[in-house]
Amino acid sequence: MPDVIRVNNQPYNWNSSLTKFDNQAWPGVVGITFSDALEVKEVYSQTQNGRPIGATSGKYKVDNFTVKMLRDSADALTTYLAAKPPFIGSYGRTEFSVNLTVSEPLLPGAFPIVMTAGVCRIIGESSATEEGSDELFTEFKLWCKGIVKNGKTLYANKLPGI
């Protein structure tokens, strides 16, 4: 499959993106960072050359997931999460979904890029208020069960019935 042909020489940019929490658009997001990895263990035997004979299938982990938001939008998100059952009052125990879509719907041939994290929780929060900053931000660290990018995953899904 060839690389993307950019229509009108316009690559995707921040203005092409839209973030949703629990399928609700949240325009106060100013940054998202995520990475996932497979932790594999190399397997050795008496091959006499020191090379591994293979590797385990691995343990999947979302090792970094942060969302940076304008302070008032971050407060609105924690208020929303704290009101969701069953952990009323806690936004750290409440699970929610994150969806990031990058698209240019008015450019024919521009295919969307969609990242979905179906089960997430806020597990950390940092904020700073200081002179010299024009706007105030809050950054959340998220725990996530798994990330799917355009229907593809780094891990292998379990086969049904096995």
C-alpha atoms as a PDB file:
ATOM      1  CA  MET A   1       0.000   0.000   0.000  1.00  0.00           C
ATOM      2  CA  PRO A   2       1.579   3.321  -1.019  1.00  0.00           C
ATOM      3  CA  ASP A   3       2.019   6.340   1.196  1.00  0.00           C
ATOM      4  CA  VAL A   4      -0.765   8.952   1.366  1.00  0.00           C
ATOM      5  CA  ILE A   5      -1.071  11.433  -1.472  1.00  0.00           C
ATOM      6  CA  ARG A   6      -1.626  14.793   0.180  1.00  0.00           C
ATOM      7  CA  VAL A   7      -4.379  16.774  -1.512  1.00  0.00           C
ATOM      8  CA  ASN A   8      -3.443  20.463  -1.990  1.00  0.00           C
ATOM      9  CA  ASN A   9      -0.139  19.725  -0.196  1.00  0.00           C
ATOM     10  CA  GLN A  10      -1.893  19.959   3.164  1.00  0.00           C
ATOM     11  CA  PRO A  11      -0.678  17.552   5.869  1.00  0.00           C
ATOM     12  CA  TYR A  12      -2.728  16.956   9.005  1.00  0.00           C
ATOM     13  CA  ASN A  13      -2.084  19.435  11.813  1.00  0.00           C
ATOM     14  CA  TRP A  14      -3.468  20.332  15.240  1.00  0.00           C
ATOM     15  CA  ASN A  15      -6.467  22.073  13.654  1.00  0.00           C
ATOM     16  CA  SER A  16      -7.331  18.751  11.967  1.00  0.00           C
ATOM     17  CA  SER A  17      -7.851  17.053  15.344  1.00  0.00           C
ATOM     18  CA  LEU A  18     -10.849  16.493  17.612  1.00  0.00           C
ATOM     19  CA  THR A  19     -10.802  14.893  21.075  1.00  0.00           C
ATOM     20  CA  LYS A  20     -13.797  13.221  22.678  1.00  0.00           C
ATOM     21  CA  PHE A  21     -14.265  11.866  26.200  1.00  0.00           C
ATOM     22  CA  ASP A  22     -17.096   9.338  26.465  1.00  0.00           C
ATOM     23  CA  ASN A  23     -18.004  10.309  22.893  1.00  0.00           C
ATOM     24  CA  GLN A  24     -18.480  13.997  23.803  1.00  0.00           C
ATOM     25  CA  ALA A  25     -16.328  16.588  22.020  1.00  0.00           C
ATOM     26  CA  TRP A  26     -14.011  18.441  24.415  1.00  0.00           C
ATOM     27  CA  PRO A  27     -12.447  21.464  22.675  1.00  0.00           C
ATOM     28  CA  GLY A  28     -10.324  22.488  25.711  1.00  0.00           C
ATOM     29  CA  VAL A  29      -7.671  19.852  24.971  1.00  0.00           C
ATOM     30  CA  VAL A  30      -4.348  21.412  23.949  1.00  0.00           C
ATOM     31  CA  GLY A  31      -2.186  18.299  23.808  1.00  0.00           C
ATOM     32  CA  ILE A  32      -2.264  14.503  23.915  1.00  0.00           C
ATOM     33  CA  THR A  33       0.744  12.219  24.248  1.00  0.00           C
ATOM     34  CA  PHE A  34       0.532   8.442  24.221  1.00  0.00           C
ATOM     35  CA  SER A  35       2.757   5.448  23.657  1.00  0.00           C
ATOM     36  CA  ASP A  36       2.325   1.728  24.012  1.00  0.00           C
ATOM     37  CA  ALA A  37       4.763  -1.167  23.996  1.00  0.00           C
ATOM     38  CA  LEU A  38       5.122  -4.918  24.081  1.00  0.00           C
ATOM     39  CA  GLU A  39       7.471  -6.165  26.772  1.00  0.00           C
ATOM     40  CA  VAL A  40       8.975  -9.302  25.230  1.00  0.00           C
ATOM     41  CA  LYS A  41      11.453 -11.710  26.769  1.00  0.00           C
ATOM     42  CA  GLU A  42      14.143 -13.122  24.550  1.00  0.00           C
ATOM     43  CA  VAL A  43      14.488 -16.900  24.747  1.00  0.00           C
ATOM     44  CA  TYR A  44      17.899 -18.554  24.514  1.00  0.00           C
ATOM     45  CA  SER A  45      19.038 -22.146  24.309  1.00  0.00           C
ATOM     46  CA  GLN A  46      22.220 -24.025  23.472  1.00  0.00           C
ATOM     47  CA  THR A  47      22.629 -22.629  19.979  1.00  0.00           C
ATOM     48  CA  GLN A  48      26.384 -22.025  20.496  1.00  0.00           C
ATOM     49  CA  ASN A  49      26.172 -18.711  18.688  1.00  0.00           C
ATOM     50  CA  GLY A  50      24.657 -16.630  21.503  1.00  0.00           C
ATOM     51  CA  ARG A  51      21.650 -15.554  19.420  1.00  0.00           C
ATOM     52  CA  PRO A  52      18.117 -15.890  20.800  1.00  0.00           C
ATOM     53  CA  ILE A  53      15.925 -18.602  19.331  1.00  0.00           C
ATOM     54  CA  GLY A  54      12.896 -16.327  19.589  1.00  0.00           C
ATOM     55  CA  ALA A  55      10.890 -14.150  21.917  1.00  0.00           C
ATOM     56  CA  THR A  56       7.736 -14.503  23.961  1.00  0.00           C
ATOM     57  CA  SER A  57       4.525 -12.978  22.651  1.00  0.00           C
ATOM     58  CA  GLY A  58       4.952 -10.223  25.197  1.00  0.00           C
ATOM     59  CA  LYS A  59       2.998  -8.251  27.759  1.00  0.00           C
ATOM     60  CA  TYR A  60       1.167  -5.248  26.378  1.00  0.00           C
ATOM     61  CA  LYS A  61       1.305  -1.947  28.217  1.00  0.00           C
ATOM     62  CA  VAL A  62       0.267   1.647  27.580  1.00  0.00           C
ATOM     63  CA  ASP A  63       3.386   3.156  29.113  1.00  0.00           C
ATOM     64  CA  ASN A  64       2.615   6.860  28.677  1.00  0.00           C
ATOM     65  CA  PHE A  65      -0.700   8.624  28.210  1.00  0.00           C
ATOM     66  CA  THR A  66      -1.168  12.290  29.091  1.00  0.00           C
ATOM     67  CA  VAL A  67      -3.809  14.843  28.227  1.00  0.00           C
ATOM     68  CA  LYS A  68      -3.047  18.550  28.599  1.00  0.00           C
ATOM     69  CA  MET A  69      -6.075  20.828  28.902  1.00  0.00           C
ATOM     70  CA  LEU A  70      -7.033  24.407  29.595  1.00  0.00           C
ATOM     71  CA  ARG A  71      -7.640  24.645  33.341  1.00  0.00           C
ATOM     72  CA  ASP A  72     -11.377  25.375  33.144  1.00  0.00           C
ATOM     73  CA  SER A  73     -11.951  22.532  30.662  1.00  0.00           C
ATOM     74  CA  ALA A  74      -9.988  20.177  32.929  1.00  0.00           C
ATOM     75  CA  ASP A  75     -12.190  21.166  35.855  1.00  0.00           C
ATOM     76  CA  ALA A  76     -15.302  20.531  33.756  1.00  0.00           C
ATOM     77  CA  LEU A  77     -13.961  17.060  32.864  1.00  0.00           C
ATOM     78  CA  THR A  78     -13.279  16.110  36.496  1.00  0.00           C
ATOM     79  CA  THR A  79     -16.734  17.417  37.478  1.00  0.00           C
ATOM     80  CA  TYR A  80     -18.300  15.255  34.752  1.00  0.00           C
ATOM     81  CA  LEU A  81     -16.325  12.160  35.796  1.00  0.00           C
ATOM     82  CA  ALA A  82     -17.006  12.672  39.523  1.00  0.00           C
ATOM     83  CA  ALA A  83     -20.752  12.703  38.779  1.00  0.00           C
ATOM     84  CA  LYS A  84     -20.633   9.361  36.899  1.00  0.00           C
ATOM     85  CA  PRO A  85     -21.743   6.277  38.837  1.00  0.00           C
ATOM     86  CA  PRO A  86     -20.680   4.127  40.561  1.00  0.00           C
ATOM     87  CA  PHE A  87     -17.860   6.129  42.211  1.00  0.00           C
ATOM     88  CA  ILE A  88     -19.728   9.408  42.764  1.00  0.00           C
ATOM     89  CA  GLY A  89     -17.285  12.080  43.921  1.00  0.00           C
ATOM     90  CA  SER A  90     -14.139  10.369  42.585  1.00  0.00           C
ATOM     91  CA  TYR A  91     -12.770  11.136  39.158  1.00  0.00           C
ATOM     92  CA  GLY A  92      -9.776   8.837  39.705  1.00  0.00           C
ATOM     93  CA  ARG A  93     -11.804   5.638  39.963  1.00  0.00           C
ATOM     94  CA  THR A  94     -14.208   6.465  37.142  1.00  0.00           C
ATOM     95  CA  GLU A  95     -13.599   4.812  33.775  1.00  0.00           C
ATOM     96  CA  PHE A  96     -14.153   6.679  30.526  1.00  0.00           C
ATOM     97  CA  SER A  97     -13.168   6.487  26.867  1.00  0.00           C
ATOM     98  CA  VAL A  98     -10.849   8.754  24.902  1.00  0.00           C
ATOM     99  CA  ASN A  99     -11.152   9.201  21.157  1.00  0.00           C
ATOM    100  CA  LEU A 100      -8.786  11.313  19.059  1.00  0.00           C
ATOM    101  CA  THR A 101      -9.710  11.834  15.411  1.00  0.00           C
ATOM    102  CA  VAL A 102      -7.500  13.596  12.892  1.00  0.00           C
ATOM    103  CA  SER A 103      -9.216  14.401   9.616  1.00  0.00           C
ATOM    104  CA  GLU A 104      -9.785  16.967   6.900  1.00  0.00           C
ATOM    105  CA  PRO A 105     -13.362  16.230   5.784  1.00  0.00           C
ATOM    106  CA  LEU A 106     -13.323  18.900   3.055  1.00  0.00           C
ATOM    107  CA  LEU A 107     -10.262  17.403   1.301  1.00  0.00           C
ATOM    108  CA  PRO A 108     -11.237  14.492  -0.969  1.00  0.00           C
ATOM    109  CA  GLY A 109      -8.941  11.509  -0.513  1.00  0.00           C
ATOM    110  CA  ALA A 110      -7.829  12.533   2.991  1.00  0.00           C
ATOM    111  CA  PHE A 111      -8.478   9.504   5.210  1.00  0.00           C
ATOM    112  CA  PRO A 112      -9.114  10.027   8.945  1.00  0.00           C
ATOM    113  CA  ILE A 113      -6.726   8.724  11.584  1.00  0.00           C
ATOM    114  CA  VAL A 114      -8.577   7.534  14.677  1.00  0.00           C
ATOM    115  CA  MET A 115      -7.094   6.601  18.068  1.00  0.00           C
ATOM    116  CA  THR A 116      -9.452   4.988  20.544  1.00  0.00           C
ATOM    117  CA  ALA A 117      -8.684   4.168  24.160  1.00  0.00           C
ATOM    118  CA  GLY A 118     -11.835   2.432  25.366  1.00  0.00           C
ATOM    119  CA  VAL A 119     -11.123   2.100  29.089  1.00  0.00           C
ATOM    120  CA  CYS A 120      -9.179   4.904  30.788  1.00  0.00           C
ATOM    121  CA  ARG A 121      -8.812   6.405  34.259  1.00  0.00           C
ATOM    122  CA  ILE A 122      -7.117   9.546  35.529  1.00  0.00           C
ATOM    123  CA  ILE A 123      -4.263   8.414  37.787  1.00  0.00           C
ATOM    124  CA  GLY A 124      -2.313  11.651  38.122  1.00  0.00           C
ATOM    125  CA  GLU A 125      -2.755  15.381  37.803  1.00  0.00           C
ATOM    126  CA  SER A 126      -0.331  18.289  37.617  1.00  0.00           C
ATOM    127  CA  SER A 127      -0.907  22.016  37.342  1.00  0.00           C
ATOM    128  CA  ALA A 128       1.213  25.131  37.685  1.00  0.00           C
ATOM    129  CA  THR A 129       0.171  28.718  38.145  1.00  0.00           C
ATOM    130  CA  GLU A 130       2.979  31.135  37.472  1.00  0.00           C
ATOM    131  CA  GLU A 131       3.741  34.613  36.224  1.00  0.00           C
ATOM    132  CA  GLY A 132       4.492  34.739  32.523  1.00  0.00           C
ATOM    133  CA  SER A 133       1.933  32.134  31.444  1.00  0.00           C
ATOM    134  CA  ASP A 134      -0.865  33.487  29.312  1.00  0.00           C
ATOM    135  CA  GLU A 135      -3.225  30.594  29.944  1.00  0.00           C
ATOM    136  CA  LEU A 136      -3.445  28.036  32.734  1.00  0.00           C
ATOM    137  CA  PHE A 137      -3.131  24.314  32.008  1.00  0.00           C
ATOM    138  CA  THR A 138      -3.778  21.066  33.814  1.00  0.00           C
ATOM    139  CA  GLU A 139      -2.142  17.853  32.688  1.00  0.00           C
ATOM    140  CA  PHE A 140      -3.674  14.473  33.462  1.00  0.00           C
ATOM    141  CA  LYS A 141      -1.799  11.179  33.488  1.00  0.00           C
ATOM    142  CA  LEU A 142      -4.094   8.388  32.337  1.00  0.00           C
ATOM    143  CA  TRP A 143      -4.095   4.658  32.883  1.00  0.00           C
ATOM    144  CA  CYS A 144      -5.435   2.873  29.840  1.00  0.00           C
ATOM    145  CA  LYS A 145      -6.327  -0.737  29.134  1.00  0.00           C
ATOM    146  CA  GLY A 146      -5.379  -0.534  25.450  1.00  0.00           C
ATOM    147  CA  ILE A 147      -5.050   1.704  22.408  1.00  0.00           C
ATOM    148  CA  VAL A 148      -6.499   1.009  18.967  1.00  0.00           C
ATOM    149  CA  LYS A 149      -5.261   3.081  16.013  1.00  0.00           C
ATOM    150  CA  ASN A 150      -7.395   2.875  12.852  1.00  0.00           C
ATOM    151  CA  GLY A 151      -8.539  -0.602  13.872  1.00  0.00           C
ATOM    152  CA  LYS A 152      -4.953  -1.836  14.476  1.00  0.00           C
ATOM    153  CA  THR A 153      -3.314  -2.793  17.755  1.00  0.00           C
ATOM    154  CA  LEU A 154       0.220  -3.506  18.884  1.00  0.00           C
ATOM    155  CA  TYR A 155      -1.061  -6.567  20.766  1.00  0.00           C
ATOM    156  CA  ALA A 156      -2.798  -9.605  19.280  1.00  0.00           C
ATOM    157  CA  ASN A 157      -6.455 -10.020  20.184  1.00  0.00           C
ATOM    158  CA  LYS A 158      -7.577 -13.282  21.729  1.00  0.00           C
ATOM    159  CA  LEU A 159      -9.255 -15.669  19.308  1.00  0.00           C
ATOM    160  CA  PRO A 160     -12.909 -16.297  20.174  1.00  0.00           C
ATOM    161  CA  GLY A 161     -13.675 -19.664  21.760  1.00  0.00           C
ATOM    162  CA  ILE A 162     -10.036 -20.552  22.462  1.00  0.00           C
END
